[in-house]
Amino acid sequence: VRPIEPATLPTVPSPTAPASLSKQHLVDEPLERAFTIPSRWYTDPAYHTFDQQSVIASTWQYVGHLSQIPHPGDYIAAKNAGEDVVIVRAEDHSLKAFFNVCRHRGGPLVTQRCGSASPRVLKCKYHGWTYRLDGSLRGVPRFDRSELFDKKDFALVPVSVETFQGVIFVRLVPDGPSLQSVMDGVDERIAPLSLHGLAFAKRVTYRIACNWKVYVDNYLEGYHLPLVHPELCKVLDYRAYKTETATYYSLQHSPLQSTENPYHSSGDDVAAYYYFVYPNTMYNIVPGRLQMNSVIPIDADTCEVIFDYFYDTDEPEAVAMRLKDDLTFSEQVQQEDIDICERVQRGLHSRAYDRGRFSVEMEAGVHHFQQLLKASYRDAVSQKLG
């Protein structure tokens, strides 16, 4: 009897709702009357697992930029909801994405974050099975005596991949809104700025002792800036700081106060755009620069935050000068955020706290994010019941 192998994308495990998840807490309320989400959504390990299955796996996740994989065979590896994936430039220059898992016995196809497959095949680092850049199985060493074996049954398992202005995203779940629809309106808003011609410069990763949602909440409001980031308030015009919300993203923006800041080009009338794309990606856009952030859940009390720096030039001296200034400034702001987020995580564990309220003027972005989170939870619960 011929063995039967699945030939289609596997389904993501059905989310298991935490026992403490209450329908009452899934109800949306207007910002003026809303409470924040319960503290256990940040602290209970059951919610970490639920987030991975019901939120991260079903949404577009940032992995890199087209400038990092310009040639056929170039690849980027990433993690998505605990799964290893690889994105590769195919022979026809299109993008392909696959689980970074050999179909033989689960070995890895790539073990570095970025690289180039040479020759142009993906080769398992365990037993040497090789795959073409389209995912089809090409070579199986010492398999000539195996019966009822067909290479067509053992192609790599694909992952959805799309780009927006040169930025690459993947999604484990095949169904859902397109990336273009998620980013609807961003092209027009940031014009004439464009992200297509940027070049990658550096990645910095921080491991932080807080739940990923704590870090996202913190990013989404300027309420804390005067107390936590006094130096940043000298760069941004805090009095003109505004938050706007769309279906899948929010935008915080502010004029830059003077030419004496690390982002300003002399004589330009510019603004800083801080886009948050649900659930865990940030675009920090200023002229000539892009800083991409991705907040990766590790466990209930830990996340990793990725900072990728891109510039509109690949001239080494210009990049080195900009990067030095940006890293110095960013490091100060990030350490301030790490300190307050880790303290908030400890506060969320306290018996003294469960839920709070929102500042209508300053926390619309946080409220928007938590509404989207509730929607993801409701969808997961309804799918389970259905």
Protein backbone atom coordinates (compact mmCIF):
# COMPACT_ATOMS: atom_id res chain seq x y z
CA VAL A 1 0.00 0.00 0.00
CA ARG A 2 1.40 3.38 -1.01
CA PRO A 3 2.09 5.74 1.91
CA ILE A 4 -0.09 8.85 1.86
CA GLU A 5 1.53 12.23 2.52
CA PRO A 6 -0.33 15.54 2.84
CA ALA A 7 0.40 17.78 -0.13
CA THR A 8 -1.14 20.99 1.14
CA LEU A 9 -0.29 23.56 3.79
CA PRO A 10 -1.00 22.09 7.24
CA THR A 11 -3.52 23.79 9.43
CA VAL A 12 -2.32 25.74 12.44
CA PRO A 13 -3.25 23.99 15.70
CA SER A 14 -6.68 25.03 16.90
CA PRO A 15 -6.23 27.65 19.64
CA THR A 16 -7.10 26.54 23.13
CA ALA A 17 -8.66 29.40 25.05
CA PRO A 18 -7.36 29.94 28.59
CA ALA A 19 -9.80 28.81 31.25
CA SER A 20 -9.94 32.32 32.71
CA LEU A 21 -10.93 34.00 29.42
CA SER A 22 -14.22 35.76 30.09
CA LYS A 23 -16.77 36.83 27.47
CA GLN A 24 -17.22 39.99 29.49
CA HIS A 25 -13.61 40.97 28.84
CA LEU A 26 -13.97 40.39 25.08
CA VAL A 27 -16.63 43.08 24.71
CA ASP A 28 -15.50 46.29 22.98
CA GLU A 29 -16.28 49.56 24.74
CA PRO A 30 -15.79 53.12 23.49
CA LEU A 31 -12.49 54.67 24.52
CA GLU A 32 -14.25 57.03 26.92
CA ARG A 33 -15.75 54.11 28.90
CA ALA A 34 -13.30 51.27 28.24
CA PHE A 35 -11.18 49.39 30.75
CA THR A 36 -7.76 48.02 29.86
CA ILE A 37 -7.37 44.27 29.36
CA PRO A 38 -6.98 42.12 32.50
CA SER A 39 -3.53 41.69 34.03
CA ARG A 40 -3.62 37.91 33.60
CA TRP A 41 -3.60 38.40 29.81
CA TYR A 42 -0.03 39.59 30.35
CA THR A 43 1.08 37.19 33.09
CA ASP A 44 -0.65 33.81 32.68
CA PRO A 45 1.39 31.32 30.57
CA ALA A 46 -1.88 30.05 29.06
CA TYR A 47 -2.31 33.42 27.33
CA HIS A 48 1.19 33.23 25.87
CA THR A 49 0.26 29.97 24.13
CA PHE A 50 -3.09 31.44 23.07
CA ASP A 51 -1.35 34.52 21.64
CA GLN A 52 1.01 32.41 19.56
CA GLN A 53 -1.85 30.41 18.06
CA SER A 54 -4.63 32.97 17.78
CA VAL A 55 -2.67 36.19 17.09
CA ILE A 56 0.89 35.73 15.84
CA ALA A 57 0.35 32.72 13.55
CA SER A 58 -2.63 34.32 11.81
CA THR A 59 -1.15 37.76 11.08
CA TRP A 60 1.58 39.19 8.85
CA GLN A 61 4.97 39.04 10.56
CA TYR A 62 7.98 41.16 9.58
CA VAL A 63 11.13 39.34 8.42
CA GLY A 64 13.29 41.78 6.43
CA HIS A 65 13.71 43.84 3.26
CA LEU A 66 14.14 42.93 -0.40
CA SER A 67 17.54 44.62 -0.40
CA GLN A 68 18.80 41.81 1.86
CA ILE A 69 18.06 39.09 -0.73
CA PRO A 70 18.76 40.63 -4.15
CA HIS A 71 19.88 37.50 -6.05
CA PRO A 72 18.41 34.03 -6.72
CA GLY A 73 19.38 31.73 -3.88
CA ASP A 74 19.64 34.52 -1.29
CA TYR A 75 17.58 33.82 1.82
CA ILE A 76 16.42 35.20 5.17
CA ALA A 77 15.49 32.94 8.09
CA ALA A 78 13.04 33.97 10.79
CA LYS A 79 10.75 32.69 13.53
CA ASN A 80 6.98 32.97 13.44
CA ALA A 81 4.81 31.79 16.35
CA GLY A 82 7.60 29.45 17.40
CA GLU A 83 8.03 28.05 13.87
CA ASP A 84 11.23 28.38 11.83
CA VAL A 85 10.69 29.73 8.32
CA VAL A 86 12.97 30.61 5.40
CA ILE A 87 12.30 33.18 2.67
CA VAL A 88 14.28 32.72 -0.54
CA ARG A 89 14.69 34.58 -3.82
CA ALA A 90 13.69 32.09 -6.55
CA GLU A 91 15.23 31.65 -9.99
CA ASP A 92 12.61 33.94 -11.54
CA HIS A 93 13.38 36.56 -8.82
CA SER A 94 10.03 36.00 -7.11
CA LEU A 95 9.88 35.35 -3.36
CA LYS A 96 9.17 31.94 -1.90
CA ALA A 97 8.71 31.09 1.77
CA PHE A 98 8.74 27.69 3.44
CA PHE A 99 8.89 26.11 6.85
CA ASN A 100 12.61 25.70 7.55
CA VAL A 101 12.07 21.97 8.03
CA CYS A 102 13.28 19.12 5.85
CA ARG A 103 10.54 16.62 4.94
CA HIS A 104 12.85 13.68 5.74
CA ARG A 105 13.33 13.86 9.51
CA GLY A 106 12.81 17.51 10.42
CA GLY A 107 16.34 18.82 9.94
CA PRO A 108 17.07 22.50 9.22
CA LEU A 109 17.57 23.79 5.70
CA VAL A 110 19.41 26.93 6.82
CA THR A 111 21.03 27.73 10.15
CA GLN A 112 22.04 31.37 9.63
CA ARG A 113 19.74 34.40 9.58
CA CYS A 114 20.85 35.55 6.13
CA GLY A 115 22.88 33.90 3.41
CA SER A 116 23.01 32.58 -0.13
CA ALA A 117 22.37 29.01 -1.22
CA SER A 118 25.27 27.89 -3.39
CA PRO A 119 24.66 26.07 -5.63
CA ARG A 120 21.10 27.35 -5.89
CA VAL A 121 19.45 24.69 -3.76
CA LEU A 122 18.34 24.45 -0.15
CA LYS A 123 20.23 21.56 1.46
CA CYS A 124 19.23 19.96 4.73
CA LYS A 125 22.02 20.28 7.27
CA TYR A 126 21.17 16.89 8.78
CA HIS A 127 21.16 14.30 5.99
CA GLY A 128 21.69 16.30 2.81
CA TRP A 129 18.28 16.19 1.12
CA THR A 130 18.25 19.03 -1.42
CA TYR A 131 15.37 21.21 -2.59
CA ARG A 132 15.06 23.54 -5.56
CA LEU A 133 14.28 27.19 -4.85
CA ASP A 134 10.63 26.52 -5.70
CA GLY A 135 10.48 24.01 -2.82
CA SER A 136 10.43 20.83 -4.92
CA LEU A 137 12.58 17.94 -3.74
CA ARG A 138 15.58 17.40 -6.02
CA GLY A 139 18.05 15.03 -4.36
CA VAL A 140 17.79 12.24 -1.74
CA PRO A 141 21.15 10.61 -1.01
CA ARG A 142 21.17 6.84 -0.61
CA PHE A 143 17.42 6.42 -1.11
CA ASP A 144 17.46 4.23 -4.21
CA ARG A 145 16.29 1.14 -2.30
CA SER A 146 13.23 2.76 -0.68
CA GLU A 147 9.94 1.46 -2.06
CA LEU A 148 6.85 3.47 -3.01
CA PHE A 149 8.82 6.73 -2.67
CA ASP A 150 7.92 9.70 -4.90
CA LYS A 151 9.80 13.00 -4.60
CA LYS A 152 6.62 14.89 -5.48
CA ASP A 153 5.15 13.86 -2.13
CA PHE A 154 7.95 15.50 -0.15
CA ALA A 155 8.17 19.10 -1.35
CA LEU A 156 8.80 21.79 1.24
CA VAL A 157 5.69 23.10 3.00
CA PRO A 158 4.96 26.67 1.81
CA VAL A 159 4.28 29.78 3.88
CA SER A 160 2.43 32.88 2.65
CA VAL A 161 4.81 35.75 1.78
CA GLU A 162 4.08 39.30 0.59
CA THR A 163 5.89 42.64 0.48
CA PHE A 164 4.93 46.25 1.06
CA GLN A 165 7.28 48.96 -0.24
CA GLY A 166 10.09 46.39 -0.25
CA VAL A 167 9.49 45.18 3.30
CA ILE A 168 8.91 41.41 3.56
CA PHE A 169 6.24 39.74 5.69
CA VAL A 170 5.15 36.12 6.14
CA ARG A 171 2.01 34.54 7.59
CA LEU A 172 1.55 30.94 8.71
CA VAL A 173 -2.21 30.89 8.16
CA PRO A 174 -3.03 30.98 4.42
CA ASP A 175 -6.34 32.83 4.78
CA GLY A 176 -6.78 36.44 5.78
CA PRO A 177 -6.44 40.00 4.50
CA SER A 178 -3.69 40.76 2.01
CA LEU A 179 -0.70 42.76 3.21
CA GLN A 180 -1.64 45.56 0.83
CA SER A 181 -5.10 45.83 2.40
CA VAL A 182 -3.56 45.83 5.88
CA MET A 183 -1.30 48.75 4.86
CA ASP A 184 -4.00 50.61 2.93
CA GLY A 185 -3.36 54.36 2.96
CA VAL A 186 0.27 54.27 4.12
CA ASP A 187 1.74 54.87 0.63
CA GLU A 188 -0.17 58.10 0.23
CA ARG A 189 0.48 59.31 3.76
CA ILE A 190 4.28 59.02 3.74
CA ALA A 191 4.76 60.23 0.12
CA PRO A 192 7.12 61.41 -1.25
CA LEU A 193 9.08 59.21 1.15
CA SER A 194 9.60 55.68 -0.17
CA LEU A 195 10.97 52.56 1.49
CA HIS A 196 11.83 50.70 -1.72
CA GLY A 197 15.39 51.93 -2.23
CA LEU A 198 16.64 51.47 1.31
CA ALA A 199 19.64 49.35 2.24
CA PHE A 200 20.02 47.25 5.39
CA ALA A 201 22.70 48.42 7.83
CA LYS A 202 22.39 46.66 11.18
CA ARG A 203 20.20 44.52 13.46
CA VAL A 204 20.09 44.97 17.24
CA THR A 205 18.07 42.58 19.43
CA TYR A 206 17.00 43.14 23.03
CA ARG A 207 15.61 40.49 25.37
CA ILE A 208 13.22 42.16 27.80
CA ALA A 209 11.60 40.80 30.96
CA CYS A 210 8.05 41.77 30.03
CA ASN A 211 5.15 40.31 28.09
CA TRP A 212 5.12 41.33 24.42
CA LYS A 213 1.84 43.20 24.90
CA VAL A 214 3.41 45.39 27.60
CA TYR A 215 6.03 46.55 25.12
CA VAL A 216 3.40 47.17 22.43
CA ASP A 217 1.20 49.15 24.84
CA ASN A 218 4.20 51.29 25.76
CA TYR A 219 5.07 52.01 22.13
CA LEU A 220 1.52 53.10 21.35
CA GLU A 221 1.24 56.14 23.56
CA GLY A 222 3.09 59.37 24.14
CA TYR A 223 1.61 59.74 27.61
CA HIS A 224 4.84 58.50 29.22
CA LEU A 225 7.26 60.63 27.16
CA PRO A 226 7.77 63.57 29.56
CA LEU A 227 8.54 61.29 32.52
CA VAL A 228 10.38 58.43 30.81
CA HIS A 229 11.99 60.09 27.77
CA PRO A 230 12.83 63.74 28.59
CA GLU A 231 15.57 63.88 25.92
CA LEU A 232 13.18 62.54 23.25
CA CYS A 233 10.80 65.37 24.11
CA LYS A 234 13.52 67.78 23.00
CA VAL A 235 13.42 66.18 19.53
CA LEU A 236 9.66 65.72 19.09
CA ASP A 237 7.14 68.52 19.41
CA TYR A 238 5.21 66.83 22.22
CA ARG A 239 2.48 69.49 22.14
CA ALA A 240 1.64 68.50 18.55
CA TYR A 241 1.93 64.72 19.13
CA LYS A 242 -1.06 62.97 17.55
CA THR A 243 -2.41 59.43 17.18
CA GLU A 244 -4.57 58.22 14.28
CA THR A 245 -6.10 54.77 13.88
CA ALA A 246 -6.99 52.70 10.81
CA THR A 247 -8.39 49.19 10.47
CA TYR A 248 -5.17 47.26 11.07
CA TYR A 249 -2.67 49.92 12.08
CA SER A 250 -2.23 53.14 13.98
CA LEU A 251 -0.01 56.14 13.36
CA GLN A 252 1.70 58.38 15.86
CA HIS A 253 3.32 61.45 14.39
CA SER A 254 4.94 64.63 15.50
CA PRO A 255 6.89 67.48 13.94
CA LEU A 256 10.60 67.52 14.75
CA GLN A 257 11.43 70.51 16.87
CA SER A 258 14.83 71.60 15.61
CA THR A 259 17.79 70.83 13.40
CA GLU A 260 19.70 69.75 16.53
CA ASN A 261 18.43 66.17 16.50
CA PRO A 262 19.73 62.92 15.01
CA TYR A 263 16.94 62.67 12.41
CA HIS A 264 16.75 66.08 10.80
CA SER A 265 18.28 67.09 7.47
CA SER A 266 19.11 70.78 7.54
CA GLY A 267 16.42 72.99 6.06
CA ASP A 268 13.84 70.25 5.63
CA ASP A 269 10.30 70.59 6.95
CA VAL A 270 9.91 67.01 8.15
CA ALA A 271 7.97 64.89 10.57
CA ALA A 272 8.53 61.54 12.24
CA TYR A 273 6.00 58.80 11.44
CA TYR A 274 5.59 55.93 13.90
CA TYR A 275 3.38 53.23 12.39
CA PHE A 276 2.24 50.27 14.43
CA VAL A 277 0.94 47.35 12.34
CA TYR A 278 -1.10 44.84 14.30
CA PRO A 279 -0.08 42.83 16.17
CA ASN A 280 3.66 43.43 16.75
CA THR A 281 5.42 45.42 14.01
CA MET A 282 6.57 49.03 14.08
CA TYR A 283 7.72 51.26 11.21
CA ASN A 284 9.69 54.26 12.48
CA ILE A 285 10.04 56.48 9.40
CA VAL A 286 12.04 59.68 9.06
CA PRO A 287 13.66 61.13 5.92
CA GLY A 288 16.46 58.91 4.66
CA ARG A 289 15.95 56.33 7.40
CA LEU A 290 13.75 53.43 8.42
CA GLN A 291 13.88 51.58 11.71
CA MET A 292 11.80 48.41 11.75
CA ASN A 293 10.85 46.86 15.10
CA SER A 294 9.31 43.45 15.68
CA VAL A 295 8.20 42.31 19.14
CA ILE A 296 8.63 38.54 19.46
CA PRO A 297 6.82 36.69 22.30
CA ILE A 298 9.19 34.35 24.15
CA ASP A 299 7.11 33.41 27.19
CA ALA A 300 4.54 35.09 29.41
CA ASP A 301 7.16 37.32 31.06
CA THR A 302 9.69 37.72 28.24
CA CYS A 303 9.87 39.12 24.73
CA GLU A 304 12.55 39.96 22.21
CA VAL A 305 12.50 43.27 20.36
CA ILE A 306 14.28 43.43 17.01
CA PHE A 307 15.61 46.74 15.70
CA ASP A 308 16.59 46.73 12.00
CA TYR A 309 18.20 49.89 10.61
CA PHE A 310 17.85 50.88 6.93
CA TYR A 311 19.16 53.93 5.04
CA ASP A 312 18.64 55.52 1.64
CA THR A 313 22.33 55.15 0.82
CA ASP A 314 24.78 52.28 0.88
CA GLU A 315 27.83 54.58 0.83
CA PRO A 316 29.87 53.19 3.75
CA GLU A 317 31.02 56.43 5.34
CA ALA A 318 27.58 58.05 5.21
CA VAL A 319 25.92 54.92 6.64
CA ALA A 320 28.52 54.61 9.40
CA MET A 321 28.02 58.22 10.47
CA ARG A 322 24.21 58.00 10.50
CA LEU A 323 24.21 54.62 12.20
CA LYS A 324 26.53 55.77 14.97
CA ASP A 325 24.27 58.72 15.81
CA ASP A 326 21.08 56.68 15.54
CA LEU A 327 22.38 53.82 17.70
CA THR A 328 23.50 56.24 20.41
CA PHE A 329 20.14 57.99 20.50
CA SER A 330 18.09 54.82 20.14
CA GLU A 331 20.03 52.99 22.85
CA GLN A 332 19.20 55.67 25.41
CA VAL A 333 15.48 55.63 24.54
CA GLN A 334 15.39 51.83 24.46
CA GLN A 335 17.03 51.42 27.85
CA GLU A 336 14.47 53.84 29.30
CA ASP A 337 11.66 51.77 27.76
CA ILE A 338 13.17 48.49 28.96
CA ASP A 339 13.36 49.75 32.54
CA ILE A 340 9.76 50.97 32.66
CA CYS A 341 8.33 47.94 30.81
CA GLU A 342 10.04 45.49 33.14
CA ARG A 343 8.72 47.42 36.14
CA VAL A 344 5.21 47.41 34.64
CA GLN A 345 5.41 43.63 34.15
CA ARG A 346 6.20 43.21 37.85
CA GLY A 347 3.29 45.53 38.68
CA LEU A 348 0.92 43.44 36.57
CA HIS A 349 1.79 40.43 38.75
CA SER A 350 0.75 42.35 41.86
CA ARG A 351 -2.47 41.46 43.65
CA ALA A 352 -3.07 45.23 43.80
CA TYR A 353 -3.78 45.52 40.06
CA ASP A 354 -6.15 43.99 37.52
CA ARG A 355 -7.56 46.53 35.05
CA GLY A 356 -7.22 50.28 34.53
CA ARG A 357 -8.71 53.04 32.38
CA PHE A 358 -7.55 54.96 29.30
CA SER A 359 -6.63 58.60 28.81
CA VAL A 360 -8.91 59.64 25.94
CA GLU A 361 -6.39 62.27 24.85
CA MET A 362 -3.22 60.17 25.04
CA GLU A 363 -4.02 56.43 24.84
CA ALA A 364 -6.18 55.96 21.75
CA GLY A 365 -3.45 53.80 20.19
CA VAL A 366 -3.36 51.43 23.16
CA HIS A 367 -7.14 51.14 23.14
CA HIS A 368 -7.08 50.42 19.38
CA PHE A 369 -4.49 47.65 19.82
CA GLN A 370 -6.43 46.05 22.67
CA GLN A 371 -9.63 46.11 20.59
CA LEU A 372 -7.81 44.27 17.78
CA LEU A 373 -6.46 41.78 20.32
CA LYS A 374 -9.97 41.12 21.60
CA ALA A 375 -11.14 40.59 18.02
CA SER A 376 -8.42 37.99 17.49
CA TYR A 377 -9.42 36.24 20.69
CA ARG A 378 -13.12 36.30 19.71
CA ASP A 379 -12.30 34.87 16.27
CA ALA A 380 -10.25 32.07 17.81
CA VAL A 381 -12.95 31.18 20.30
CA SER A 382 -15.69 31.23 17.65
CA GLN A 383 -13.63 29.02 15.33
CA LYS A 384 -13.11 26.57 18.15
CA LEU A 385 -16.82 26.46 18.88
CA GLY A 386 -17.66 26.30 15.18
